[in-house]
Amino acid sequence: ASENSSRLAAMQAAEKNIEDRLGELRTR
């Protein structure tokens, strides 16, 4: 359960980074 909590937090951070990157790419 703790492992999946850590993975969930890591995926949330990754999702935000990807969304930021997508916004930058779409603007370009």
mmCIF file of all heavy atoms, coordinates in Angstrom:
data_MODEL
# 
_entry.id   MODEL 
# 
loop_
_atom_site.group_PDB 
_atom_site.id 
_atom_site.type_symbol 
_atom_site.label_atom_id 
_atom_site.label_alt_id 
_atom_site.label_comp_id 
_atom_site.label_asym_id 
_atom_site.label_entity_id 
_atom_site.label_seq_id 
_atom_site.pdbx_PDB_ins_code 
_atom_site.Cartn_x 
_atom_site.Cartn_y 
_atom_site.Cartn_z 
_atom_site.occupancy 
_atom_site.B_iso_or_equiv 
_atom_site.pdbx_formal_charge 
_atom_site.auth_seq_id 
_atom_site.auth_comp_id 
_atom_site.auth_asym_id 
_atom_site.auth_atom_id 
_atom_site.pdbx_PDB_model_num 
ATOM 1   N N   . ALA A 1 1  ? 0.834  -1.200 0.000   1.00 0.00 ? 1  ALA A N   1 
ATOM 2   C CA  . ALA A 1 1  ? 0.000  0.000  0.000   1.00 0.00 ? 1  ALA A CA  1 
ATOM 3   C C   . ALA A 1 1  ? 0.871  1.254  0.000   1.00 0.00 ? 1  ALA A C   1 
ATOM 4   O O   . ALA A 1 1  ? 0.602  2.223  -0.726  1.00 0.00 ? 1  ALA A O   1 
ATOM 5   C CB  . ALA A 1 1  ? -0.925 -0.007 1.213   1.00 0.00 ? 1  ALA A CB  1 
ATOM 6   N N   . SER A 1 2  ? 1.951  1.234  0.787   1.00 0.00 ? 2  SER A N   1 
ATOM 7   C CA  . SER A 1 2  ? 2.873  2.373  0.826   1.00 0.00 ? 2  SER A CA  1 
ATOM 8   C C   . SER A 1 2  ? 3.588  2.538  -0.505  1.00 0.00 ? 2  SER A C   1 
ATOM 9   O O   . SER A 1 2  ? 3.795  3.665  -0.984  1.00 0.00 ? 2  SER A O   1 
ATOM 10  C CB  . SER A 1 2  ? 3.901  2.170  1.945   1.00 0.00 ? 2  SER A CB  1 
ATOM 11  O OG  . SER A 1 2  ? 3.286  2.032  3.197   1.00 0.00 ? 2  SER A OG  1 
ATOM 12  N N   . GLU A 1 3  ? 3.970  1.411  -1.113  1.00 0.00 ? 3  GLU A N   1 
ATOM 13  C CA  . GLU A 1 3  ? 4.631  1.460  -2.415  1.00 0.00 ? 3  GLU A CA  1 
ATOM 14  C C   . GLU A 1 3  ? 3.743  2.116  -3.455  1.00 0.00 ? 3  GLU A C   1 
ATOM 15  O O   . GLU A 1 3  ? 4.197  2.974  -4.237  1.00 0.00 ? 3  GLU A O   1 
ATOM 16  C CB  . GLU A 1 3  ? 4.994  0.044  -2.856  1.00 0.00 ? 3  GLU A CB  1 
ATOM 17  C CG  . GLU A 1 3  ? 5.584  -0.051 -4.251  1.00 0.00 ? 3  GLU A CG  1 
ATOM 18  C CD  . GLU A 1 3  ? 5.762  -1.488 -4.723  1.00 0.00 ? 3  GLU A CD  1 
ATOM 19  O OE1 . GLU A 1 3  ? 5.821  -2.394 -3.867  1.00 0.00 ? 3  GLU A OE1 1 
ATOM 20  O OE2 . GLU A 1 3  ? 5.842  -1.696 -5.945  1.00 0.00 ? 3  GLU A OE2 1 
ATOM 21  N N   . ASN A 1 4  ? 2.473  1.749  -3.469  1.00 0.00 ? 4  ASN A N   1 
ATOM 22  C CA  . ASN A 1 4  ? 1.561  2.338  -4.446  1.00 0.00 ? 4  ASN A CA  1 
ATOM 23  C C   . ASN A 1 4  ? 1.249  3.797  -4.128  1.00 0.00 ? 4  ASN A C   1 
ATOM 24  O O   . ASN A 1 4  ? 1.010  4.585  -5.040  1.00 0.00 ? 4  ASN A O   1 
ATOM 25  C CB  . ASN A 1 4  ? 0.277  1.510  -4.523  1.00 0.00 ? 4  ASN A CB  1 
ATOM 26  C CG  . ASN A 1 4  ? 0.440  0.261  -5.369  1.00 0.00 ? 4  ASN A CG  1 
ATOM 27  O OD1 . ASN A 1 4  ? 0.389  0.311  -6.589  1.00 0.00 ? 4  ASN A OD1 1 
ATOM 28  N ND2 . ASN A 1 4  ? 0.665  -0.873 -4.718  1.00 0.00 ? 4  ASN A ND2 1 
ATOM 29  N N   . SER A 1 5  ? 1.286  4.160  -2.846  1.00 0.00 ? 5  SER A N   1 
ATOM 30  C CA  . SER A 1 5  ? 1.141  5.579  -2.493  1.00 0.00 ? 5  SER A CA  1 
ATOM 31  C C   . SER A 1 5  ? 2.319  6.376  -3.029  1.00 0.00 ? 5  SER A C   1 
ATOM 32  O O   . SER A 1 5  ? 2.151  7.483  -3.568  1.00 0.00 ? 5  SER A O   1 
ATOM 33  C CB  . SER A 1 5  ? 1.048  5.731  -0.968  1.00 0.00 ? 5  SER A CB  1 
ATOM 34  O OG  . SER A 1 5  ? -0.133 5.150  -0.466  1.00 0.00 ? 5  SER A OG  1 
ATOM 35  N N   . SER A 1 6  ? 3.528  5.814  -2.892  1.00 0.00 ? 6  SER A N   1 
ATOM 36  C CA  . SER A 1 6  ? 4.718  6.475  -3.416  1.00 0.00 ? 6  SER A CA  1 
ATOM 37  C C   . SER A 1 6  ? 4.664  6.546  -4.941  1.00 0.00 ? 6  SER A C   1 
ATOM 38  O O   . SER A 1 6  ? 5.013  7.574  -5.544  1.00 0.00 ? 6  SER A O   1 
ATOM 39  C CB  . SER A 1 6  ? 5.971  5.715  -2.966  1.00 0.00 ? 6  SER A CB  1 
ATOM 40  O OG  . SER A 1 6  ? 7.138  6.370  -3.396  1.00 0.00 ? 6  SER A OG  1 
ATOM 41  N N   . ARG A 1 7  ? 4.204  5.469  -5.577  1.00 0.00 ? 7  ARG A N   1 
ATOM 42  C CA  . ARG A 1 7  ? 4.098  5.469  -7.036  1.00 0.00 ? 7  ARG A CA  1 
ATOM 43  C C   . ARG A 1 7  ? 3.047  6.478  -7.504  1.00 0.00 ? 7  ARG A C   1 
ATOM 44  O O   . ARG A 1 7  ? 3.225  7.164  -8.518  1.00 0.00 ? 7  ARG A O   1 
ATOM 45  C CB  . ARG A 1 7  ? 3.761  4.064  -7.523  1.00 0.00 ? 7  ARG A CB  1 
ATOM 46  C CG  . ARG A 1 7  ? 3.676  3.955  -9.040  1.00 0.00 ? 7  ARG A CG  1 
ATOM 47  C CD  . ARG A 1 7  ? 3.528  2.515  -9.498  1.00 0.00 ? 7  ARG A CD  1 
ATOM 48  N NE  . ARG A 1 7  ? 4.742  1.756  -9.258  1.00 0.00 ? 7  ARG A NE  1 
ATOM 49  C CZ  . ARG A 1 7  ? 4.832  0.730  -8.404  1.00 0.00 ? 7  ARG A CZ  1 
ATOM 50  N NH1 . ARG A 1 7  ? 3.766  0.355  -7.700  1.00 0.00 ? 7  ARG A NH1 1 
ATOM 51  N NH2 . ARG A 1 7  ? 5.964  0.094  -8.244  1.00 0.00 ? 7  ARG A NH2 1 
ATOM 52  N N   . LEU A 1 8  ? 1.943  6.560  -6.773  1.00 0.00 ? 8  LEU A N   1 
ATOM 53  C CA  . LEU A 1 8  ? 0.889  7.523  -7.121  1.00 0.00 ? 8  LEU A CA  1 
ATOM 54  C C   . LEU A 1 8  ? 1.428  8.956  -7.055  1.00 0.00 ? 8  LEU A C   1 
ATOM 55  O O   . LEU A 1 8  ? 1.173  9.768  -7.949  1.00 0.00 ? 8  LEU A O   1 
ATOM 56  C CB  . LEU A 1 8  ? -0.298 7.354  -6.171  1.00 0.00 ? 8  LEU A CB  1 
ATOM 57  C CG  . LEU A 1 8  ? -1.502 8.271  -6.399  1.00 0.00 ? 8  LEU A CG  1 
ATOM 58  C CD1 . LEU A 1 8  ? -2.086 8.065  -7.781  1.00 0.00 ? 8  LEU A CD1 1 
ATOM 59  C CD2 . LEU A 1 8  ? -2.562 8.023  -5.331  1.00 0.00 ? 8  LEU A CD2 1 
ATOM 60  N N   . ALA A 1 9  ? 2.202  9.254  -5.994  1.00 0.00 ? 9  ALA A N   1 
ATOM 61  C CA  . ALA A 1 9  ? 2.783  10.597 -5.875  1.00 0.00 ? 9  ALA A CA  1 
ATOM 62  C C   . ALA A 1 9  ? 3.769  10.859 -7.010  1.00 0.00 ? 9  ALA A C   1 
ATOM 63  O O   . ALA A 1 9  ? 3.803  11.963 -7.578  1.00 0.00 ? 9  ALA A O   1 
ATOM 64  C CB  . ALA A 1 9  ? 3.473  10.738 -4.523  1.00 0.00 ? 9  ALA A CB  1 
ATOM 65  N N   . ALA A 1 10 ? 4.569  9.837  -7.348  1.00 0.00 ? 10 ALA A N   1 
ATOM 66  C CA  . ALA A 1 10 ? 5.533  9.999  -8.440  1.00 0.00 ? 10 ALA A CA  1 
ATOM 67  C C   . ALA A 1 10 ? 4.818  10.212 -9.770  1.00 0.00 ? 10 ALA A C   1 
ATOM 68  O O   . ALA A 1 10 ? 5.237  11.038 -10.594 1.00 0.00 ? 10 ALA A O   1 
ATOM 69  C CB  . ALA A 1 10 ? 6.443  8.777  -8.516  1.00 0.00 ? 10 ALA A CB  1 
ATOM 70  N N   . MET A 1 11 ? 3.713  9.497  -10.005 1.00 0.00 ? 11 MET A N   1 
ATOM 71  C CA  . MET A 1 11 ? 2.973  9.655  -11.244 1.00 0.00 ? 11 MET A CA  1 
ATOM 72  C C   . MET A 1 11 ? 2.268  11.006 -11.312 1.00 0.00 ? 11 MET A C   1 
ATOM 73  O O   . MET A 1 11 ? 2.126  11.589 -12.389 1.00 0.00 ? 11 MET A O   1 
ATOM 74  C CB  . MET A 1 11 ? 1.947  8.517  -11.389 1.00 0.00 ? 11 MET A CB  1 
ATOM 75  C CG  . MET A 1 11 ? 2.558  7.134  -11.619 1.00 0.00 ? 11 MET A CG  1 
ATOM 76  S SD  . MET A 1 11 ? 3.614  7.058  -13.100 1.00 0.00 ? 11 MET A SD  1 
ATOM 77  C CE  . MET A 1 11 ? 5.256  7.140  -12.342 1.00 0.00 ? 11 MET A CE  1 
ATOM 78  N N   . GLN A 1 12 ? 1.812  11.508 -10.160 1.00 0.00 ? 12 GLN A N   1 
ATOM 79  C CA  . GLN A 1 12 ? 1.188  12.830 -10.153 1.00 0.00 ? 12 GLN A CA  1 
ATOM 80  C C   . GLN A 1 12 ? 2.203  13.911 -10.535 1.00 0.00 ? 12 GLN A C   1 
ATOM 81  O O   . GLN A 1 12 ? 1.887  14.828 -11.300 1.00 0.00 ? 12 GLN A O   1 
ATOM 82  C CB  . GLN A 1 12 ? 0.585  13.107 -8.772  1.00 0.00 ? 12 GLN A CB  1 
ATOM 83  C CG  . GLN A 1 12 ? -0.679 12.314 -8.493  1.00 0.00 ? 12 GLN A CG  1 
ATOM 84  C CD  . GLN A 1 12 ? -1.148 12.434 -7.059  1.00 0.00 ? 12 GLN A CD  1 
ATOM 85  O OE1 . GLN A 1 12 ? -0.365 12.745 -6.157  1.00 0.00 ? 12 GLN A OE1 1 
ATOM 86  N NE2 . GLN A 1 12 ? -2.424 12.187 -6.832  1.00 0.00 ? 12 GLN A NE2 1 
ATOM 87  N N   . ALA A 1 13 ? 3.418  13.781 -10.004 1.00 0.00 ? 13 ALA A N   1 
ATOM 88  C CA  . ALA A 1 13 ? 4.467  14.737 -10.365 1.00 0.00 ? 13 ALA A CA  1 
ATOM 89  C C   . ALA A 1 13 ? 4.837  14.604 -11.839 1.00 0.00 ? 13 ALA A C   1 
ATOM 90  O O   . ALA A 1 13 ? 5.019  15.614 -12.540 1.00 0.00 ? 13 ALA A O   1 
ATOM 91  C CB  . ALA A 1 13 ? 5.692  14.511 -9.485  1.00 0.00 ? 13 ALA A CB  1 
ATOM 92  N N   . ALA A 1 14 ? 4.918  13.359 -12.328 1.00 0.00 ? 14 ALA A N   1 
ATOM 93  C CA  . ALA A 1 14 ? 5.243  13.142 -13.737 1.00 0.00 ? 14 ALA A CA  1 
ATOM 94  C C   . ALA A 1 14 ? 4.141  13.690 -14.639 1.00 0.00 ? 14 ALA A C   1 
ATOM 95  O O   . ALA A 1 14 ? 4.414  14.275 -15.699 1.00 0.00 ? 14 ALA A O   1 
ATOM 96  C CB  . ALA A 1 14 ? 5.445  11.647 -13.997 1.00 0.00 ? 14 ALA A CB  1 
ATOM 97  N N   . GLU A 1 15 ? 2.891  13.498 -14.231 1.00 0.00 ? 15 GLU A N   1 
ATOM 98  C CA  . GLU A 1 15 ? 1.769  13.994 -15.031 1.00 0.00 ? 15 GLU A CA  1 
ATOM 99  C C   . GLU A 1 15 ? 1.830  15.515 -15.169 1.00 0.00 ? 15 GLU A C   1 
ATOM 100 O O   . GLU A 1 15 ? 1.606  16.062 -16.253 1.00 0.00 ? 15 GLU A O   1 
ATOM 101 C CB  . GLU A 1 15 ? 0.451  13.585 -14.374 1.00 0.00 ? 15 GLU A CB  1 
ATOM 102 C CG  . GLU A 1 15 ? -0.784 13.974 -15.170 1.00 0.00 ? 15 GLU A CG  1 
ATOM 103 C CD  . GLU A 1 15 ? -2.061 13.523 -14.505 1.00 0.00 ? 15 GLU A CD  1 
ATOM 104 O OE1 . GLU A 1 15 ? -2.126 13.592 -13.258 1.00 0.00 ? 15 GLU A OE1 1 
ATOM 105 O OE2 . GLU A 1 15 ? -2.986 13.112 -15.217 1.00 0.00 ? 15 GLU A OE2 1 
ATOM 106 N N   . LYS A 1 16 ? 2.143  16.202 -14.071 1.00 0.00 ? 16 LYS A N   1 
ATOM 107 C CA  . LYS A 1 16 ? 2.245  17.661 -14.127 1.00 0.00 ? 16 LYS A CA  1 
ATOM 108 C C   . LYS A 1 16 ? 3.377  18.102 -15.060 1.00 0.00 ? 16 LYS A C   1 
ATOM 109 O O   . LYS A 1 16 ? 3.219  19.037 -15.861 1.00 0.00 ? 16 LYS A O   1 
ATOM 110 C CB  . LYS A 1 16 ? 2.477  18.227 -12.726 1.00 0.00 ? 16 LYS A CB  1 
ATOM 111 C CG  . LYS A 1 16 ? 2.489  19.758 -12.682 1.00 0.00 ? 16 LYS A CG  1 
ATOM 112 C CD  . LYS A 1 16 ? 2.694  20.260 -11.280 1.00 0.00 ? 16 LYS A CD  1 
ATOM 113 C CE  . LYS A 1 16 ? 2.626  21.792 -11.251 1.00 0.00 ? 16 LYS A CE  1 
ATOM 114 N NZ  . LYS A 1 16 ? 3.549  22.442 -12.187 1.00 0.00 ? 16 LYS A NZ  1 
ATOM 115 N N   . ASN A 1 17 ? 4.524  17.412 -14.962 1.00 0.00 ? 17 ASN A N   1 
ATOM 116 C CA  . ASN A 1 17 ? 5.647  17.752 -15.843 1.00 0.00 ? 17 ASN A CA  1 
ATOM 117 C C   . ASN A 1 17 ? 5.305  17.531 -17.308 1.00 0.00 ? 17 ASN A C   1 
ATOM 118 O O   . ASN A 1 17 ? 5.667  18.336 -18.174 1.00 0.00 ? 17 ASN A O   1 
ATOM 119 C CB  . ASN A 1 17 ? 6.881  16.931 -15.461 1.00 0.00 ? 17 ASN A CB  1 
ATOM 120 C CG  . ASN A 1 17 ? 7.449  17.327 -14.116 1.00 0.00 ? 17 ASN A CG  1 
ATOM 121 O OD1 . ASN A 1 17 ? 7.264  18.463 -13.671 1.00 0.00 ? 17 ASN A OD1 1 
ATOM 122 N ND2 . ASN A 1 17 ? 8.137  16.412 -13.453 1.00 0.00 ? 17 ASN A ND2 1 
ATOM 123 N N   . ILE A 1 18 ? 4.607  16.419 -17.581 1.00 0.00 ? 18 ILE A N   1 
ATOM 124 C CA  . ILE A 1 18 ? 4.228  16.126 -18.966 1.00 0.00 ? 18 ILE A CA  1 
ATOM 125 C C   . ILE A 1 18 ? 3.230  17.160 -19.479 1.00 0.00 ? 18 ILE A C   1 
ATOM 126 O O   . ILE A 1 18 ? 3.321  17.617 -20.628 1.00 0.00 ? 18 ILE A O   1 
ATOM 127 C CB  . ILE A 1 18 ? 3.637  14.703 -19.066 1.00 0.00 ? 18 ILE A CB  1 
ATOM 128 C CG1 . ILE A 1 18 ? 4.721  13.666 -18.775 1.00 0.00 ? 18 ILE A CG1 1 
ATOM 129 C CG2 . ILE A 1 18 ? 3.046  14.466 -20.449 1.00 0.00 ? 18 ILE A CG2 1 
ATOM 130 C CD1 . ILE A 1 18 ? 4.194  12.260 -18.614 1.00 0.00 ? 18 ILE A CD1 1 
ATOM 131 N N   . GLU A 1 19 ? 2.268  17.546 -18.633 1.00 0.00 ? 19 GLU A N   1 
ATOM 132 C CA  . GLU A 1 19 ? 1.286  18.546 -19.060 1.00 0.00 ? 19 GLU A CA  1 
ATOM 133 C C   . GLU A 1 19 ? 1.962  19.886 -19.344 1.00 0.00 ? 19 GLU A C   1 
ATOM 134 O O   . GLU A 1 19 ? 1.601  20.582 -20.305 1.00 0.00 ? 19 GLU A O   1 
ATOM 135 C CB  . GLU A 1 19 ? 0.208  18.692 -17.983 1.00 0.00 ? 19 GLU A CB  1 
ATOM 136 C CG  . GLU A 1 19 ? -0.731 17.492 -17.916 1.00 0.00 ? 19 GLU A CG  1 
ATOM 137 C CD  . GLU A 1 19 ? -1.680 17.559 -16.731 1.00 0.00 ? 19 GLU A CD  1 
ATOM 138 O OE1 . GLU A 1 19 ? -1.485 18.440 -15.864 1.00 0.00 ? 19 GLU A OE1 1 
ATOM 139 O OE2 . GLU A 1 19 ? -2.607 16.723 -16.664 1.00 0.00 ? 19 GLU A OE2 1 
ATOM 140 N N   . ASP A 1 20 ? 2.946  20.246 -18.495 1.00 0.00 ? 20 ASP A N   1 
ATOM 141 C CA  . ASP A 1 20 ? 3.688  21.483 -18.747 1.00 0.00 ? 20 ASP A CA  1 
ATOM 142 C C   . ASP A 1 20 ? 4.451  21.399 -20.080 1.00 0.00 ? 20 ASP A C   1 
ATOM 143 O O   . ASP A 1 20 ? 4.477  22.356 -20.866 1.00 0.00 ? 20 ASP A O   1 
ATOM 144 C CB  . ASP A 1 20 ? 4.666  21.754 -17.605 1.00 0.00 ? 20 ASP A CB  1 
ATOM 145 C CG  . ASP A 1 20 ? 3.962  22.109 -16.308 1.00 0.00 ? 20 ASP A CG  1 
ATOM 146 O OD1 . ASP A 1 20 ? 2.761  22.456 -16.362 1.00 0.00 ? 20 ASP A OD1 1 
ATOM 147 O OD2 . ASP A 1 20 ? 4.602  22.026 -15.237 1.00 0.00 ? 20 ASP A OD2 1 
ATOM 148 N N   . ARG A 1 21 ? 5.072  20.245 -20.313 1.00 0.00 ? 21 ARG A N   1 
ATOM 149 C CA  . ARG A 1 21 ? 5.819  20.046 -21.554 1.00 0.00 ? 21 ARG A CA  1 
ATOM 150 C C   . ARG A 1 21 ? 4.889  20.075 -22.772 1.00 0.00 ? 21 ARG A C   1 
ATOM 151 O O   . ARG A 1 21 ? 5.215  20.658 -23.813 1.00 0.00 ? 21 ARG A O   1 
ATOM 152 C CB  . ARG A 1 21 ? 6.563  18.712 -21.477 1.00 0.00 ? 21 ARG A CB  1 
ATOM 153 C CG  . ARG A 1 21 ? 7.322  18.316 -22.736 1.00 0.00 ? 21 ARG A CG  1 
ATOM 154 C CD  . ARG A 1 21 ? 8.427  19.277 -23.050 1.00 0.00 ? 21 ARG A CD  1 
ATOM 155 N NE  . ARG A 1 21 ? 9.262  18.796 -24.151 1.00 0.00 ? 21 ARG A NE  1 
ATOM 156 C CZ  . ARG A 1 21 ? 10.117 19.551 -24.812 1.00 0.00 ? 21 ARG A CZ  1 
ATOM 157 N NH1 . ARG A 1 21 ? 10.277 20.828 -24.475 1.00 0.00 ? 21 ARG A NH1 1 
ATOM 158 N NH2 . ARG A 1 21 ? 10.835 19.035 -25.796 1.00 0.00 ? 21 ARG A NH2 1 
ATOM 159 N N   . LEU A 1 22 ? 3.715  19.440 -22.624 1.00 0.00 ? 22 LEU A N   1 
ATOM 160 C CA  . LEU A 1 22 ? 2.747  19.441 -23.725 1.00 0.00 ? 22 LEU A CA  1 
ATOM 161 C C   . LEU A 1 22 ? 2.286  20.861 -24.045 1.00 0.00 ? 22 LEU A C   1 
ATOM 162 O O   . LEU A 1 22 ? 2.144  21.240 -25.224 1.00 0.00 ? 22 LEU A O   1 
ATOM 163 C CB  . LEU A 1 22 ? 1.543  18.574 -23.354 1.00 0.00 ? 22 LEU A CB  1 
ATOM 164 C CG  . LEU A 1 22 ? 1.595  17.103 -23.743 1.00 0.00 ? 22 LEU A CG  1 
ATOM 165 C CD1 . LEU A 1 22 ? 0.421  16.351 -23.140 1.00 0.00 ? 22 LEU A CD1 1 
ATOM 166 C CD2 . LEU A 1 22 ? 1.620  16.936 -25.254 1.00 0.00 ? 22 LEU A CD2 1 
ATOM 167 N N   . GLY A 1 23 ? 2.042  21.655 -23.001 1.00 0.00 ? 23 GLY A N   1 
ATOM 168 C CA  . GLY A 1 23 ? 1.635  23.037 -23.224 1.00 0.00 ? 23 GLY A CA  1 
ATOM 169 C C   . GLY A 1 23 ? 2.689  23.818 -23.987 1.00 0.00 ? 23 GLY A C   1 
ATOM 170 O O   . GLY A 1 23 ? 2.368  24.591 -24.915 1.00 0.00 ? 23 GLY A O   1 
ATOM 171 N N   . GLU A 1 24 ? 3.960  23.584 -23.608 1.00 0.00 ? 24 GLU A N   1 
ATOM 172 C CA  . GLU A 1 24 ? 5.056  24.266 -24.294 1.00 0.00 ? 24 GLU A CA  1 
ATOM 173 C C   . GLU A 1 24 ? 5.155  23.829 -25.749 1.00 0.00 ? 24 GLU A C   1 
ATOM 174 O O   . GLU A 1 24 ? 5.311  24.665 -26.662 1.00 0.00 ? 24 GLU A O   1 
ATOM 175 C CB  . GLU A 1 24 ? 6.366  23.961 -23.564 1.00 0.00 ? 24 GLU A CB  1 
ATOM 176 C CG  . GLU A 1 24 ? 7.600  24.547 -24.225 1.00 0.00 ? 24 GLU A CG  1 
ATOM 177 C CD  . GLU A 1 24 ? 8.885  24.039 -23.591 1.00 0.00 ? 24 GLU A CD  1 
ATOM 178 O OE1 . GLU A 1 24 ? 8.830  23.506 -22.466 1.00 0.00 ? 24 GLU A OE1 1 
ATOM 179 O OE2 . GLU A 1 24 ? 9.941  24.176 -24.252 1.00 0.00 ? 24 GLU A OE2 1 
ATOM 180 N N   . LEU A 1 25 ? 5.058  22.509 -25.992 1.00 0.00 ? 25 LEU A N   1 
ATOM 181 C CA  . LEU A 1 25 ? 5.149  21.998 -27.363 1.00 0.00 ? 25 LEU A CA  1 
ATOM 182 C C   . LEU A 1 25 ? 3.996  22.487 -28.230 1.00 0.00 ? 25 LEU A C   1 
ATOM 183 O O   . LEU A 1 25 ? 4.190  22.840 -29.406 1.00 0.00 ? 25 LEU A O   1 
ATOM 184 C CB  . LEU A 1 25 ? 5.186  20.467 -27.341 1.00 0.00 ? 25 LEU A CB  1 
ATOM 185 C CG  . LEU A 1 25 ? 6.473  19.802 -26.829 1.00 0.00 ? 25 LEU A CG  1 
ATOM 186 C CD1 . LEU A 1 25 ? 6.279  18.309 -26.675 1.00 0.00 ? 25 LEU A CD1 1 
ATOM 187 C CD2 . LEU A 1 25 ? 7.638  20.089 -27.794 1.00 0.00 ? 25 LEU A CD2 1 
ATOM 188 N N   . ARG A 1 26 ? 2.796  22.507 -27.668 1.00 0.00 ? 26 ARG A N   1 
ATOM 189 C CA  . ARG A 1 26 ? 1.635  22.949 -28.450 1.00 0.00 ? 26 ARG A CA  1 
ATOM 190 C C   . ARG A 1 26 ? 1.737  24.433 -28.787 1.00 0.00 ? 26 ARG A C   1 
ATOM 191 O O   . ARG A 1 26 ? 1.339  24.848 -29.884 1.00 0.00 ? 26 ARG A O   1 
ATOM 192 C CB  . ARG A 1 26 ? 0.366  22.659 -27.667 1.00 0.00 ? 26 ARG A CB  1 
ATOM 193 C CG  . ARG A 1 26 ? -0.026 21.184 -27.692 1.00 0.00 ? 26 ARG A CG  1 
ATOM 194 C CD  . ARG A 1 26 ? -1.098 20.855 -26.689 1.00 0.00 ? 26 ARG A CD  1 
ATOM 195 N NE  . ARG A 1 26 ? -1.477 19.453 -26.757 1.00 0.00 ? 26 ARG A NE  1 
ATOM 196 C CZ  . ARG A 1 26 ? -2.102 18.812 -25.783 1.00 0.00 ? 26 ARG A CZ  1 
ATOM 197 N NH1 . ARG A 1 26 ? -2.420 19.453 -24.646 1.00 0.00 ? 26 ARG A NH1 1 
ATOM 198 N NH2 . ARG A 1 26 ? -2.414 17.535 -25.911 1.00 0.00 ? 26 ARG A NH2 1 
ATOM 199 N N   . THR A 1 27 ? 2.273  25.225 -27.856 1.00 0.00 ? 27 THR A N   1 
ATOM 200 C CA  . THR A 1 27 ? 2.468  26.651 -28.144 1.00 0.00 ? 27 THR A CA  1 
ATOM 201 C C   . THR A 1 27 ? 3.469  26.843 -29.281 1.00 0.00 ? 27 THR A C   1 
ATOM 202 O O   . THR A 1 27 ? 3.249  27.636 -30.214 1.00 0.00 ? 27 THR A O   1 
ATOM 203 C CB  . THR A 1 27 ? 2.955  27.372 -26.878 1.00 0.00 ? 27 THR A CB  1 
ATOM 204 O OG1 . THR A 1 27 ? 1.967  27.239 -25.842 1.00 0.00 ? 27 THR A OG1 1 
ATOM 205 C CG2 . THR A 1 27 ? 3.191  28.849 -27.158 1.00 0.00 ? 27 THR A CG2 1 
ATOM 206 N N   . ARG A 1 28 ? 4.584  26.097 -29.211 1.00 0.00 ? 28 ARG A N   1 
ATOM 207 C CA  . ARG A 1 28 ? 5.584  26.177 -30.273 1.00 0.00 ? 28 ARG A CA  1 
ATOM 208 C C   . ARG A 1 28 ? 5.028  25.695 -31.603 1.00 0.00 ? 28 ARG A C   1 
ATOM 209 O O   . ARG A 1 28 ? 5.330  26.249 -32.676 1.00 0.00 ? 28 ARG A O   1 
ATOM 210 C CB  . ARG A 1 28 ? 6.826  25.372 -29.872 1.00 0.00 ? 28 ARG A CB  1 
ATOM 211 C CG  . ARG A 1 28 ? 7.675  26.066 -28.813 1.00 0.00 ? 28 ARG A CG  1 
ATOM 212 C CD  . ARG A 1 28 ? 8.613  25.125 -28.121 1.00 0.00 ? 28 ARG A CD  1 
ATOM 213 N NE  . ARG A 1 28 ? 9.457  24.398 -29.065 1.00 0.00 ? 28 ARG A NE  1 
ATOM 214 C CZ  . ARG A 1 28 ? 10.265 23.389 -28.702 1.00 0.00 ? 28 ARG A CZ  1 
ATOM 215 N NH1 . ARG A 1 28 ? 10.305 22.993 -27.437 1.00 0.00 ? 28 ARG A NH1 1 
ATOM 216 N NH2 . ARG A 1 28 ? 11.020 22.785 -29.595 1.00 0.00 ? 28 ARG A NH2 1 
# 
